[in-house]
Amino acid sequence: MASRLLANLIVMGSTIVGRAVLQAYRQALANASKSGVAQETVQNIRRASKIMAEPEARQILGVAEHSSWEEILQVS
């Protein structure tokens, strides 16, 4: 009898905690949308995920267009 009561309390407690966490998550998303944090985060992700063009990479490394892989590896 005591184990059944304890199991019910655990299930009810975890349900309550789960609902509270879900509600807090939804509120955090709403706050982020209102303050512009969500849009800023998306923009930062887009900037970070850009693929560098080959001419830009060559310019950063300081190698010519006709450089071999060995020359590029020596530079880096």
C-alpha atoms as a PDB file:
ATOM      1  CA  MET A   1       0.000   0.000   0.000  1.00  0.00           C
ATOM      2  CA  ALA A   2       2.810   2.436   0.899  1.00  0.00           C
ATOM      3  CA  SER A   3       4.719   1.657  -2.289  1.00  0.00           C
ATOM      4  CA  ARG A   4       1.642   2.351  -4.391  1.00  0.00           C
ATOM      5  CA  LEU A   5       1.146   5.702  -2.640  1.00  0.00           C
ATOM      6  CA  LEU A   6       4.820   6.568  -3.123  1.00  0.00           C
ATOM      7  CA  ALA A   7       4.632   5.659  -6.824  1.00  0.00           C
ATOM      8  CA  ASN A   8       1.565   7.866  -7.273  1.00  0.00           C
ATOM      9  CA  LEU A   9       3.311  10.763  -5.533  1.00  0.00           C
ATOM     10  CA  ILE A  10       6.347  10.376  -7.759  1.00  0.00           C
ATOM     11  CA  VAL A  11       4.226  10.320 -10.914  1.00  0.00           C
ATOM     12  CA  MET A  12       2.192  13.335  -9.833  1.00  0.00           C
ATOM     13  CA  GLY A  13       5.304  15.232  -8.756  1.00  0.00           C
ATOM     14  CA  SER A  14       7.120  14.592 -12.008  1.00  0.00           C
ATOM     15  CA  THR A  15       4.022  15.652 -13.966  1.00  0.00           C
ATOM     16  CA  ILE A  16       3.848  18.927 -12.049  1.00  0.00           C
ATOM     17  CA  VAL A  17       7.557  19.592 -12.499  1.00  0.00           C
ATOM     18  CA  GLY A  18       7.346  18.718 -16.202  1.00  0.00           C
ATOM     19  CA  ARG A  19       4.493  21.152 -16.750  1.00  0.00           C
ATOM     20  CA  ALA A  20       6.356  23.882 -14.874  1.00  0.00           C
ATOM     21  CA  VAL A  21       9.480  23.372 -16.982  1.00  0.00           C
ATOM     22  CA  LEU A  22       7.433  23.461 -20.184  1.00  0.00           C
ATOM     23  CA  GLN A  23       5.695  26.649 -19.091  1.00  0.00           C
ATOM     24  CA  ALA A  24       9.034  28.271 -18.183  1.00  0.00           C
ATOM     25  CA  TYR A  25      10.468  27.287 -21.569  1.00  0.00           C
ATOM     26  CA  ARG A  26       7.503  28.809 -23.386  1.00  0.00           C
ATOM     27  CA  GLN A  27       7.843  31.994 -21.355  1.00  0.00           C
ATOM     28  CA  ALA A  28      11.561  32.181 -22.122  1.00  0.00           C
ATOM     29  CA  LEU A  29      10.820  31.858 -25.858  1.00  0.00           C
ATOM     30  CA  ALA A  30       8.198  34.588 -25.629  1.00  0.00           C
ATOM     31  CA  ASN A  31      10.622  36.883 -23.780  1.00  0.00           C
ATOM     32  CA  ALA A  32      13.355  36.206 -26.320  1.00  0.00           C
ATOM     33  CA  SER A  33      11.007  37.058 -29.180  1.00  0.00           C
ATOM     34  CA  LYS A  34       9.935  40.308 -27.544  1.00  0.00           C
ATOM     35  CA  SER A  35      13.463  41.483 -26.796  1.00  0.00           C
ATOM     36  CA  GLY A  36      14.893  40.583 -30.202  1.00  0.00           C
ATOM     37  CA  VAL A  37      17.327  38.034 -28.800  1.00  0.00           C
ATOM     38  CA  ALA A  38      15.876  35.303 -30.992  1.00  0.00           C
ATOM     39  CA  GLN A  39      16.420  37.288 -34.198  1.00  0.00           C
ATOM     40  CA  GLU A  40      19.939  38.238 -33.139  1.00  0.00           C
ATOM     41  CA  THR A  41      20.765  34.606 -32.444  1.00  0.00           C
ATOM     42  CA  VAL A  42      19.480  33.526 -35.854  1.00  0.00           C
ATOM     43  CA  GLN A  43      21.566  36.230 -37.529  1.00  0.00           C
ATOM     44  CA  ASN A  44      24.680  35.121 -35.624  1.00  0.00           C
ATOM     45  CA  ILE A  45      24.107  31.523 -36.680  1.00  0.00           C
ATOM     46  CA  ARG A  46      23.687  32.582 -40.310  1.00  0.00           C
ATOM     47  CA  ARG A  47      26.904  34.628 -40.169  1.00  0.00           C
ATOM     48  CA  ALA A  48      28.829  31.777 -38.599  1.00  0.00           C
ATOM     49  CA  SER A  49      27.595  29.216 -41.095  1.00  0.00           C
ATOM     50  CA  LYS A  50      28.726  31.121 -44.191  1.00  0.00           C
ATOM     51  CA  ILE A  51      31.076  29.154 -46.368  1.00  0.00           C
ATOM     52  CA  MET A  52      34.221  31.049 -47.222  1.00  0.00           C
ATOM     53  CA  ALA A  53      34.814  31.604 -50.915  1.00  0.00           C
ATOM     54  CA  GLU A  54      38.045  30.312 -52.412  1.00  0.00           C
ATOM     55  CA  PRO A  55      39.406  33.757 -53.397  1.00  0.00           C
ATOM     56  CA  GLU A  56      38.823  34.987 -49.836  1.00  0.00           C
ATOM     57  CA  ALA A  57      40.623  31.966 -48.401  1.00  0.00           C
ATOM     58  CA  ARG A  58      43.550  32.463 -50.772  1.00  0.00           C
ATOM     59  CA  GLN A  59      43.756  36.138 -49.793  1.00  0.00           C
ATOM     60  CA  ILE A  60      43.781  35.284 -46.077  1.00  0.00           C
ATOM     61  CA  LEU A  61      46.481  32.659 -46.571  1.00  0.00           C
ATOM     62  CA  GLY A  62      48.425  34.896 -48.912  1.00  0.00           C
ATOM     63  CA  VAL A  63      48.772  32.383 -51.714  1.00  0.00           C
ATOM     64  CA  ALA A  64      48.365  32.837 -55.453  1.00  0.00           C
ATOM     65  CA  GLU A  65      45.668  31.211 -57.546  1.00  0.00           C
ATOM     66  CA  HIS A  66      48.141  28.804 -59.167  1.00  0.00           C
ATOM     67  CA  SER A  67      49.731  27.669 -55.847  1.00  0.00           C
ATOM     68  CA  SER A  68      50.027  23.945 -55.240  1.00  0.00           C
ATOM     69  CA  TRP A  69      48.670  22.171 -52.153  1.00  0.00           C
ATOM     70  CA  GLU A  70      52.204  21.767 -50.830  1.00  0.00           C
ATOM     71  CA  GLU A  71      52.764  25.525 -50.975  1.00  0.00           C
ATOM     72  CA  ILE A  72      49.429  26.191 -49.264  1.00  0.00           C
ATOM     73  CA  LEU A  73      50.214  23.697 -46.505  1.00  0.00           C
ATOM     74  CA  GLN A  74      53.621  25.296 -45.915  1.00  0.00           C
ATOM     75  CA  VAL A  75      51.958  28.711 -45.446  1.00  0.00           C
ATOM     76  CA  SER A  76      49.461  27.457 -42.916  1.00  0.00           C
END
